[in-house]
């Protein structure tokens, strides 16, 4: 038998399953709700966290990017780059000066 303990905030009781049941979950049992990004405070936080983890960003890089995001949101900074190609065009232009 297997015992699954869920995070305390989920308020779900422990789940006991026989070995042949363990790991199987019915699609009906999966409920995403209207906020599938929970436990993150917002979908934006979830997307940022996903990108940061997938990119393997350091703590310093995460802090720098979040500072930039907040500056852009407050209107004190502006980012005009739209993609990787634009970034490299700007870098090439800067290197040639």
PDB file of N, CA and C in Angstrom:
ATOM      1  N   UNK A   1       0.834  -1.193   0.000  1.00  0.00           N
ATOM      2  CA  UNK A   1       0.000   0.000   0.000  1.00  0.00           C
ATOM      3  C   UNK A   1       0.876   1.252   0.000  1.00  0.00           C
ATOM      4  N   UNK A   2       0.321   2.309  -0.615  1.00  0.00           N
ATOM      5  CA  UNK A   2       1.016   3.586  -0.700  1.00  0.00           C
ATOM      6  C   UNK A   2       0.203   4.653   0.008  1.00  0.00           C
ATOM      7  N   UNK A   3       0.909   5.577   0.656  1.00  0.00           N
ATOM      8  CA  UNK A   3       0.263   6.707   1.314  1.00  0.00           C
ATOM      9  C   UNK A   3       0.782   7.979   0.657  1.00  0.00           C
ATOM     10  N   UNK A   4      -0.136   8.804   0.158  1.00  0.00           N
ATOM     11  CA  UNK A   4       0.218  10.084  -0.429  1.00  0.00           C
ATOM     12  C   UNK A   4      -0.211  11.178   0.530  1.00  0.00           C
ATOM     13  N   UNK A   5       0.754  12.002   0.940  1.00  0.00           N
ATOM     14  CA  UNK A   5       0.443  13.138   1.801  1.00  0.00           C
ATOM     15  C   UNK A   5       0.537  14.400   0.958  1.00  0.00           C
ATOM     16  N   UNK A   6      -0.512  15.195   0.992  1.00  0.00           N
ATOM     17  CA  UNK A   6      -0.590  16.411   0.205  1.00  0.00           C
ATOM     18  C   UNK A   6      -0.109  17.602   1.026  1.00  0.00           C
ATOM     19  N   UNK A   7       0.215  18.673   0.336  1.00  0.00           N
ATOM     20  CA  UNK A   7       0.639  19.896   1.018  1.00  0.00           C
ATOM     21  C   UNK A   7      -0.475  20.341   1.963  1.00  0.00           C
ATOM     22  N   UNK A   8      -0.114  20.817   3.166  1.00  0.00           N
ATOM     23  CA  UNK A   8      -1.136  21.226   4.141  1.00  0.00           C
ATOM     24  C   UNK A   8      -2.130  22.259   3.610  1.00  0.00           C
ATOM     25  N   UNK A   9      -1.681  23.155   2.744  1.00  0.00           N
ATOM     26  CA  UNK A   9      -2.595  24.175   2.214  1.00  0.00           C
ATOM     27  C   UNK A   9      -3.653  23.593   1.286  1.00  0.00           C
ATOM     28  N   UNK A  10      -3.427  22.398   0.775  1.00  0.00           N
ATOM     29  CA  UNK A  10      -4.423  21.787  -0.107  1.00  0.00           C
ATOM     30  C   UNK A  10      -5.638  21.312   0.671  1.00  0.00           C
ATOM     31  N   UNK A  11      -5.462  21.154   1.981  1.00  0.00           N
ATOM     32  CA  UNK A  11      -6.539  20.683   2.865  1.00  0.00           C
ATOM     33  C   UNK A  11      -7.107  19.345   2.392  1.00  0.00           C
ATOM     34  N   UNK A  12      -6.255  18.527   1.807  1.00  0.00           N
ATOM     35  CA  UNK A  12      -6.671  17.193   1.360  1.00  0.00           C
ATOM     36  C   UNK A  12      -6.167  16.167   2.357  1.00  0.00           C
ATOM     37  N   UNK A  13      -6.998  15.215   2.684  1.00  0.00           N
ATOM     38  CA  UNK A  13      -6.559  14.173   3.613  1.00  0.00           C
ATOM     39  C   UNK A  13      -5.565  13.239   2.922  1.00  0.00           C
ATOM     40  N   UNK A  14      -4.776  12.494   3.686  1.00  0.00           N
ATOM     41  CA  UNK A  14      -3.861  11.520   3.070  1.00  0.00           C
ATOM     42  C   UNK A  14      -4.644  10.534   2.209  1.00  0.00           C
ATOM     43  N   UNK A  15      -4.012  10.081   1.152  1.00  0.00           N
ATOM     44  CA  UNK A  15      -4.642   9.133   0.234  1.00  0.00           C
ATOM     45  C   UNK A  15      -3.919   7.801   0.363  1.00  0.00           C
ATOM     46  N   UNK A  16      -4.666   6.766   0.650  1.00  0.00           N
ATOM     47  CA  UNK A  16      -4.113   5.415   0.766  1.00  0.00           C
ATOM     48  C   UNK A  16      -4.544   4.627  -0.464  1.00  0.00           C
ATOM     49  N   UNK A  17      -3.569   3.991  -1.141  1.00  0.00           N
ATOM     50  CA  UNK A  17      -3.866   3.235  -2.358  1.00  0.00           C
ATOM     51  C   UNK A  17      -3.096   1.927  -2.370  1.00  0.00           C
ATOM     52  N   UNK A  18      -3.726   0.924  -2.945  1.00  0.00           N
ATOM     53  CA  UNK A  18      -3.042  -0.347  -3.177  1.00  0.00           C
ATOM     54  C   UNK A  18      -2.029  -0.135  -4.300  1.00  0.00           C
ATOM     55  N   UNK A  19      -1.033  -0.978  -4.377  1.00  0.00           N
ATOM     56  CA  UNK A  19       0.033  -0.795  -5.366  1.00  0.00           C
ATOM     57  C   UNK A  19      -0.499  -0.763  -6.793  1.00  0.00           C
ATOM     58  N   UNK A  20      -1.544  -1.530  -7.104  1.00  0.00           N
ATOM     59  CA  UNK A  20      -2.072  -1.524  -8.473  1.00  0.00           C
ATOM     60  C   UNK A  20      -2.844  -0.240  -8.796  1.00  0.00           C
ATOM     61  N   UNK A  21      -3.265   0.508  -7.784  1.00  0.00           N
ATOM     62  CA  UNK A  21      -3.974   1.771  -8.003  1.00  0.00           C
ATOM     63  C   UNK A  21      -3.028   2.966  -8.011  1.00  0.00           C
ATOM     64  N   UNK A  22      -1.887   2.822  -7.346  1.00  0.00           N
ATOM     65  CA  UNK A  22      -0.981   3.948  -7.159  1.00  0.00           C
ATOM     66  C   UNK A  22      -0.516   4.513  -8.496  1.00  0.00           C
ATOM     67  N   UNK A  23      -0.565   5.824  -8.624  1.00  0.00           N
ATOM     68  CA  UNK A  23      -0.106   6.492  -9.833  1.00  0.00           C
ATOM     69  C   UNK A  23      -1.164   6.649 -10.894  1.00  0.00           C
ATOM     70  N   UNK A  24      -2.304   6.037 -10.720  1.00  0.00           N
ATOM     71  CA  UNK A  24      -3.396   6.175 -11.682  1.00  0.00           C
ATOM     72  C   UNK A  24      -4.349   7.243 -11.174  1.00  0.00           C
ATOM     73  N   UNK A  25      -4.750   8.108 -12.065  1.00  0.00           N
ATOM     74  CA  UNK A  25      -5.685   9.157 -11.686  1.00  0.00           C
ATOM     75  C   UNK A  25      -6.672   9.349 -12.819  1.00  0.00           C
ATOM     76  N   UNK A  26      -7.923   9.384 -12.485  1.00  0.00           N
ATOM     77  CA  UNK A  26      -8.957   9.598 -13.491  1.00  0.00           C
ATOM     78  C   UNK A  26      -8.955  11.055 -13.924  1.00  0.00           C
ATOM     79  N   UNK A  27      -9.217  11.288 -15.205  1.00  0.00           N
ATOM     80  CA  UNK A  27      -9.261  12.653 -15.719  1.00  0.00           C
ATOM     81  C   UNK A  27     -10.321  13.470 -14.993  1.00  0.00           C
ATOM     82  N   UNK A  28     -11.414  12.816 -14.563  1.00  0.00           N
ATOM     83  CA  UNK A  28     -12.469  13.542 -13.851  1.00  0.00           C
ATOM     84  C   UNK A  28     -11.978  14.065 -12.507  1.00  0.00           C
ATOM     85  N   UNK A  29     -10.988  13.406 -11.932  1.00  0.00           N
ATOM     86  CA  UNK A  29     -10.485  13.805 -10.621  1.00  0.00           C
ATOM     87  C   UNK A  29      -9.609  15.049 -10.682  1.00  0.00           C
ATOM     88  N   UNK A  30      -9.151  15.380 -11.874  1.00  0.00           N
ATOM     89  CA  UNK A  30      -8.266  16.529 -12.032  1.00  0.00           C
ATOM     90  C   UNK A  30      -9.123  17.768 -12.269  1.00  0.00           C
ATOM     91  N   UNK A  31      -9.075  18.697 -11.334  1.00  0.00           N
ATOM     92  CA  UNK A  31      -9.835  19.933 -11.476  1.00  0.00           C
ATOM     93  C   UNK A  31      -8.862  21.099 -11.482  1.00  0.00           C
ATOM     94  N   UNK A  32      -8.859  21.827 -12.574  1.00  0.00           N
ATOM     95  CA  UNK A  32      -7.958  22.958 -12.695  1.00  0.00           C
ATOM     96  C   UNK A  32      -8.567  24.224 -12.112  1.00  0.00           C
ATOM     97  N   UNK A  33      -9.875  24.327 -12.162  1.00  0.00           N
ATOM     98  CA  UNK A  33     -10.514  25.524 -11.648  1.00  0.00           C
ATOM     99  C   UNK A  33     -10.266  26.710 -12.554  1.00  0.00           C
ATOM    100  N   UNK A  34     -10.652  27.865 -12.072  1.00  0.00           N
ATOM    101  CA  UNK A  34     -10.508  29.074 -12.879  1.00  0.00           C
ATOM    102  C   UNK A  34      -9.123  29.700 -12.737  1.00  0.00           C
ATOM    103  N   UNK A  35      -8.322  29.202 -11.804  1.00  0.00           N
ATOM    104  CA  UNK A  35      -6.982  29.738 -11.582  1.00  0.00           C
ATOM    105  C   UNK A  35      -5.969  28.594 -11.532  1.00  0.00           C
ATOM    106  N   UNK A  36      -5.651  28.011 -12.689  1.00  0.00           N
ATOM    107  CA  UNK A  36      -4.768  26.838 -12.701  1.00  0.00           C
ATOM    108  C   UNK A  36      -3.334  27.123 -12.278  1.00  0.00           C
ATOM    109  N   UNK A  37      -2.970  28.380 -12.166  1.00  0.00           N
ATOM    110  CA  UNK A  37      -1.597  28.727 -11.780  1.00  0.00           C
ATOM    111  C   UNK A  37      -1.396  28.701 -10.268  1.00  0.00           C
ATOM    112  N   UNK A  38      -2.449  28.509  -9.514  1.00  0.00           N
ATOM    113  CA  UNK A  38      -2.309  28.449  -8.054  1.00  0.00           C
ATOM    114  C   UNK A  38      -1.303  27.379  -7.694  1.00  0.00           C
ATOM    115  N   UNK A  39      -0.473  27.541  -6.706  1.00  0.00           N
ATOM    116  CA  UNK A  39      -0.540  28.469  -5.582  1.00  0.00           C
ATOM    117  C   UNK A  39       0.139  29.812  -5.833  1.00  0.00           C
ATOM    118  N   UNK A  40       0.550  30.103  -7.065  1.00  0.00           N
ATOM    119  CA  UNK A  40       1.132  31.413  -7.347  1.00  0.00           C
ATOM    120  C   UNK A  40       0.052  32.480  -7.237  1.00  0.00           C
ATOM    121  N   UNK A  41       0.441  33.695  -6.883  1.00  0.00           N
ATOM    122  CA  UNK A  41      -0.519  34.781  -6.688  1.00  0.00           C
ATOM    123  C   UNK A  41      -1.186  35.214  -7.986  1.00  0.00           C
ATOM    124  N   UNK A  42      -0.492  35.027  -9.108  1.00  0.00           N
ATOM    125  CA  UNK A  42      -1.058  35.435 -10.396  1.00  0.00           C
ATOM    126  C   UNK A  42      -0.498  34.549 -11.500  1.00  0.00           C
ATOM    127  N   UNK A  43      -1.159  34.598 -12.644  1.00  0.00           N
ATOM    128  CA  UNK A  43      -0.671  33.844 -13.798  1.00  0.00           C
ATOM    129  C   UNK A  43       0.689  34.381 -14.245  1.00  0.00           C
ATOM    130  N   UNK A  44       0.874  35.697 -14.140  1.00  0.00           N
ATOM    131  CA  UNK A  44       2.162  36.296 -14.491  1.00  0.00           C
ATOM    132  C   UNK A  44       3.290  35.780 -13.624  1.00  0.00           C
ATOM    133  N   UNK A  45       3.021  35.636 -12.317  1.00  0.00           N
ATOM    134  CA  UNK A  45       4.031  35.076 -11.414  1.00  0.00           C
ATOM    135  C   UNK A  45       4.374  33.647 -11.816  1.00  0.00           C
ATOM    136  N   UNK A  46       3.353  32.873 -12.177  1.00  0.00           N
ATOM    137  CA  UNK A  46       3.573  31.482 -12.592  1.00  0.00           C
ATOM    138  C   UNK A  46       4.423  31.430 -13.866  1.00  0.00           C
ATOM    139  N   UNK A  47       4.083  32.258 -14.838  1.00  0.00           N
ATOM    140  CA  UNK A  47       4.831  32.265 -16.100  1.00  0.00           C
ATOM    141  C   UNK A  47       6.273  32.696 -15.851  1.00  0.00           C
ATOM    142  N   UNK A  48       6.459  33.736 -15.033  1.00  0.00           N
ATOM    143  CA  UNK A  48       7.818  34.187 -14.720  1.00  0.00           C
ATOM    144  C   UNK A  48       8.603  33.067 -14.057  1.00  0.00           C
ATOM    145  N   UNK A  49       8.007  32.412 -13.070  1.00  0.00           N
ATOM    146  CA  UNK A  49       8.692  31.326 -12.358  1.00  0.00           C
ATOM    147  C   UNK A  49       9.058  30.199 -13.310  1.00  0.00           C
ATOM    148  N   UNK A  50       8.154  29.855 -14.212  1.00  0.00           N
ATOM    149  CA  UNK A  50       8.415  28.790 -15.180  1.00  0.00           C
ATOM    150  C   UNK A  50       9.603  29.143 -16.072  1.00  0.00           C
ATOM    151  N   UNK A  51       9.604  30.358 -16.597  1.00  0.00           N
ATOM    152  CA  UNK A  51      10.707  30.798 -17.464  1.00  0.00           C
ATOM    153  C   UNK A  51      12.019  30.833 -16.687  1.00  0.00           C
ATOM    154  N   UNK A  52      11.988  31.381 -15.470  1.00  0.00           N
ATOM    155  CA  UNK A  52      13.209  31.494 -14.662  1.00  0.00           C
ATOM    156  C   UNK A  52      13.801  30.127 -14.350  1.00  0.00           C
ATOM    157  N   UNK A  53      12.945  29.176 -13.997  1.00  0.00           N
ATOM    158  CA  UNK A  53      13.432  27.831 -13.662  1.00  0.00           C
ATOM    159  C   UNK A  53      13.937  27.119 -14.912  1.00  0.00           C
ATOM    160  N   UNK A  54      13.166  27.186 -16.011  1.00  0.00           N
ATOM    161  CA  UNK A  54      13.590  26.518 -17.250  1.00  0.00           C
ATOM    162  C   UNK A  54      14.897  27.096 -17.780  1.00  0.00           C
ATOM    163  N   UNK A  55      15.107  28.398 -17.588  1.00  0.00           N
ATOM    164  CA  UNK A  55      16.333  29.044 -18.062  1.00  0.00           C
ATOM    165  C   UNK A  55      17.498  28.839 -17.103  1.00  0.00           C
ATOM    166  N   UNK A  56      17.212  28.355 -15.908  1.00  0.00           N
ATOM    167  CA  UNK A  56      18.269  28.148 -14.922  1.00  0.00           C
ATOM    168  C   UNK A  56      18.869  29.456 -14.428  1.00  0.00           C
ATOM    169  N   UNK A  57      18.030  30.476 -14.282  1.00  0.00           N
ATOM    170  CA  UNK A  57      18.528  31.779 -13.847  1.00  0.00           C
ATOM    171  C   UNK A  57      19.038  31.722 -12.414  1.00  0.00           C
ATOM    172  N   UNK A  58      20.074  32.490 -12.165  1.00  0.00           N
ATOM    173  CA  UNK A  58      20.601  32.605 -10.801  1.00  0.00           C
ATOM    174  C   UNK A  58      19.685  33.528  -9.998  1.00  0.00           C
ATOM    175  N   UNK A  59      19.877  33.555  -8.688  1.00  0.00           N
ATOM    176  CA  UNK A  59      19.089  34.447  -7.835  1.00  0.00           C
ATOM    177  C   UNK A  59      19.309  35.904  -8.244  1.00  0.00           C
ATOM    178  N   UNK A  60      20.541  36.258  -8.568  1.00  0.00           N
ATOM    179  CA  UNK A  60      20.845  37.634  -8.975  1.00  0.00           C
ATOM    180  C   UNK A  60      20.142  37.983 -10.290  1.00  0.00           C
ATOM    181  N   UNK A  61      20.110  37.043 -11.227  1.00  0.00           N
ATOM    182  CA  UNK A  61      19.434  37.285 -12.500  1.00  0.00           C
ATOM    183  C   UNK A  61      17.928  37.431 -12.305  1.00  0.00           C
ATOM    184  N   UNK A  62      17.347  36.599 -11.447  1.00  0.00           N
ATOM    185  CA  UNK A  62      15.912  36.708 -11.150  1.00  0.00           C
ATOM    186  C   UNK A  62      15.620  38.073 -10.542  1.00  0.00           C
ATOM    187  N   UNK A  63      16.429  38.480  -9.565  1.00  0.00           N
ATOM    188  CA  UNK A  63      16.222  39.777  -8.921  1.00  0.00           C
ATOM    189  C   UNK A  63      16.326  40.918  -9.935  1.00  0.00           C
ATOM    190  N   UNK A  64      17.312  40.858 -10.830  1.00  0.00           N
ATOM    191  CA  UNK A  64      17.488  41.905 -11.843  1.00  0.00           C
ATOM    192  C   UNK A  64      16.294  41.975 -12.782  1.00  0.00           C
ATOM    193  N   UNK A  65      15.840  40.830 -13.242  1.00  0.00           N
ATOM    194  CA  UNK A  65      14.688  40.819 -14.146  1.00  0.00           C
ATOM    195  C   UNK A  65      13.426  41.318 -13.461  1.00  0.00           C
ATOM    196  N   UNK A  66      13.217  40.916 -12.212  1.00  0.00           N
ATOM    197  CA  UNK A  66      12.030  41.391 -11.494  1.00  0.00           C
ATOM    198  C   UNK A  66      12.093  42.895 -11.240  1.00  0.00           C
ATOM    199  N   UNK A  67      13.282  43.428 -10.965  1.00  0.00           N
ATOM    200  CA  UNK A  67      13.422  44.887 -10.822  1.00  0.00           C
ATOM    201  C   UNK A  67      13.027  45.579 -12.128  1.00  0.00           C
ATOM    202  N   UNK A  68      13.487  45.015 -13.252  1.00  0.00           N
ATOM    203  CA  UNK A  68      13.142  45.586 -14.551  1.00  0.00           C
ATOM    204  C   UNK A  68      11.634  45.519 -14.795  1.00  0.00           C
ATOM    205  N   UNK A  69      11.024  44.387 -14.502  1.00  0.00           N
ATOM    206  CA  UNK A  69       9.576  44.232 -14.687  1.00  0.00           C
ATOM    207  C   UNK A  69       8.830  45.299 -13.889  1.00  0.00           C
ATOM    208  N   UNK A  70       9.240  45.509 -12.656  1.00  0.00           N
ATOM    209  CA  UNK A  70       8.571  46.507 -11.820  1.00  0.00           C
ATOM    210  C   UNK A  70       8.792  47.926 -12.350  1.00  0.00           C
ATOM    211  N   UNK A  71       9.983  48.213 -12.842  1.00  0.00           N
ATOM    212  CA  UNK A  71      10.245  49.534 -13.425  1.00  0.00           C
ATOM    213  C   UNK A  71       9.386  49.765 -14.664  1.00  0.00           C
ATOM    214  N   UNK A  72       9.269  48.761 -15.503  1.00  0.00           N
ATOM    215  CA  UNK A  72       8.427  48.872 -16.697  1.00  0.00           C
ATOM    216  C   UNK A  72       6.975  49.087 -16.280  1.00  0.00           C
ATOM    217  N   UNK A  73       6.515  48.330 -15.293  1.00  0.00           N
ATOM    218  CA  UNK A  73       5.133  48.454 -14.825  1.00  0.00           C
ATOM    219  C   UNK A  73       4.858  49.842 -14.250  1.00  0.00           C
ATOM    220  N   UNK A  74       5.867  50.446 -13.615  1.00  0.00           N
ATOM    221  CA  UNK A  74       5.705  51.778 -13.022  1.00  0.00           C
ATOM    222  C   UNK A  74       5.925  52.892 -14.042  1.00  0.00           C
ATOM    223  N   UNK A  75       6.384  52.529 -15.230  1.00  0.00           N
ATOM    224  CA  UNK A  75       6.612  53.520 -16.269  1.00  0.00           C
ATOM    225  C   UNK A  75       7.947  54.222 -16.177  1.00  0.00           C
ATOM    226  N   UNK A  76       8.857  53.722 -15.348  1.00  0.00           N
ATOM    227  CA  UNK A  76      10.171  54.360 -15.216  1.00  0.00           C
ATOM    228  C   UNK A  76      11.215  53.739 -16.135  1.00  0.00           C
ATOM    229  N   UNK A  77      10.851  52.684 -16.835  1.00  0.00           N
ATOM    230  CA  UNK A  77      11.742  52.051 -17.818  1.00  0.00           C
ATOM    231  C   UNK A  77      10.888  51.576 -18.985  1.00  0.00           C
ATOM    232  N   UNK A  78      11.538  51.442 -20.126  1.00  0.00           N
ATOM    233  CA  UNK A  78      10.830  51.000 -21.328  1.00  0.00           C
ATOM    234  C   UNK A  78      11.678  49.947 -22.025  1.00  0.00           C
ATOM    235  N   UNK A  79      11.057  48.859 -22.434  1.00  0.00           N
ATOM    236  CA  UNK A  79      11.750  47.802 -23.178  1.00  0.00           C
ATOM    237  C   UNK A  79      11.113  47.742 -24.558  1.00  0.00           C
ATOM    238  N   UNK A  80      11.938  47.964 -25.592  1.00  0.00           N
ATOM    239  CA  UNK A  80      11.413  47.944 -26.958  1.00  0.00           C
ATOM    240  C   UNK A  80      11.763  46.652 -27.694  1.00  0.00           C
ATOM    241  N   UNK A  81      12.657  45.857 -27.122  1.00  0.00           N
ATOM    242  CA  UNK A  81      13.022  44.581 -27.742  1.00  0.00           C
ATOM    243  C   UNK A  81      11.804  43.668 -27.764  1.00  0.00           C
ATOM    244  N   UNK A  82      11.620  42.961 -28.889  1.00  0.00           N
ATOM    245  CA  UNK A  82      10.442  42.111 -29.020  1.00  0.00           C
ATOM    246  C   UNK A  82      10.778  40.625 -29.110  1.00  0.00           C
ATOM    247  N   UNK A  83      12.044  40.320 -29.434  1.00  0.00           N
ATOM    248  CA  UNK A  83      12.425  38.915 -29.579  1.00  0.00           C
ATOM    249  C   UNK A  83      13.953  38.800 -29.571  1.00  0.00           C
ATOM    250  N   UNK A  84      14.421  37.566 -29.687  1.00  0.00           N
ATOM    251  CA  UNK A  84      15.858  37.291 -29.664  1.00  0.00           C
ATOM    252  C   UNK A  84      16.580  37.962 -30.831  1.00  0.00           C
ATOM    253  N   UNK A  85      15.956  37.966 -31.998  1.00  0.00           N
ATOM    254  CA  UNK A  85      16.586  38.600 -33.164  1.00  0.00           C
ATOM    255  C   UNK A  85      16.793  40.091 -32.914  1.00  0.00           C
ATOM    256  N   UNK A  86      15.807  40.740 -32.323  1.00  0.00           N
ATOM    257  CA  UNK A  86      15.933  42.162 -32.006  1.00  0.00           C
ATOM    258  C   UNK A  86      17.035  42.422 -30.993  1.00  0.00           C
ATOM    259  N   UNK A  87      17.160  41.532 -30.024  1.00  0.00           N
ATOM    260  CA  UNK A  87      18.236  41.645 -29.033  1.00  0.00           C
ATOM    261  C   UNK A  87      19.590  41.580 -29.717  1.00  0.00           C
ATOM    262  N   UNK A  88      19.766  40.613 -30.619  1.00  0.00           N
ATOM    263  CA  UNK A  88      21.059  40.453 -31.287  1.00  0.00           C
ATOM    264  C   UNK A  88      21.346  41.590 -32.260  1.00  0.00           C
ATOM    265  N   UNK A  89      20.318  42.122 -32.881  1.00  0.00           N
ATOM    266  CA  UNK A  89      20.511  43.295 -33.740  1.00  0.00           C
ATOM    267  C   UNK A  89      21.020  44.467 -32.911  1.00  0.00           C
ATOM    268  N   UNK A  90      20.411  44.678 -31.749  1.00  0.00           N
ATOM    269  CA  UNK A  90      20.841  45.769 -30.866  1.00  0.00           C
ATOM    270  C   UNK A  90      22.265  45.539 -30.363  1.00  0.00           C
ATOM    271  N   UNK A  91      22.591  44.300 -30.005  1.00  0.00           N
ATOM    272  CA  UNK A  91      23.949  43.986 -29.542  1.00  0.00           C
ATOM    273  C   UNK A  91      24.974  44.207 -30.647  1.00  0.00           C
ATOM    274  N   UNK A  92      24.656  43.783 -31.870  1.00  0.00           N
ATOM    275  CA  UNK A  92      25.567  43.986 -33.004  1.00  0.00           C
ATOM    276  C   UNK A  92      25.774  45.477 -33.266  1.00  0.00           C
ATOM    277  N   UNK A  93      24.691  46.248 -33.200  1.00  0.00           N
ATOM    278  CA  UNK A  93      24.773  47.695 -33.407  1.00  0.00           C
ATOM    279  C   UNK A  93      25.653  48.327 -32.331  1.00  0.00           C
ATOM    280  N   UNK A  94      25.484  47.906 -31.089  1.00  0.00           N
ATOM    281  CA  UNK A  94      26.284  48.453 -29.984  1.00  0.00           C
ATOM    282  C   UNK A  94      27.757  48.076 -30.134  1.00  0.00           C
ATOM    283  N   UNK A  95      28.030  46.862 -30.589  1.00  0.00           N
ATOM    284  CA  UNK A  95      29.412  46.402 -30.735  1.00  0.00           C
ATOM    285  C   UNK A  95      30.140  47.140 -31.851  1.00  0.00           C
ATOM    286  N   UNK A  96      29.402  47.603 -32.856  1.00  0.00           N
ATOM    287  CA  UNK A  96      30.043  48.269 -33.993  1.00  0.00           C
ATOM    288  C   UNK A  96      30.314  49.746 -33.725  1.00  0.00           C
ATOM    289  N   UNK A  97      29.867  50.248 -32.605  1.00  0.00           N
ATOM    290  CA  UNK A  97      30.088  51.677 -32.299  1.00  0.00           C
ATOM    291  C   UNK A  97      31.296  51.884 -31.434  1.00  0.00           C
TER     292      UNK A  97
END
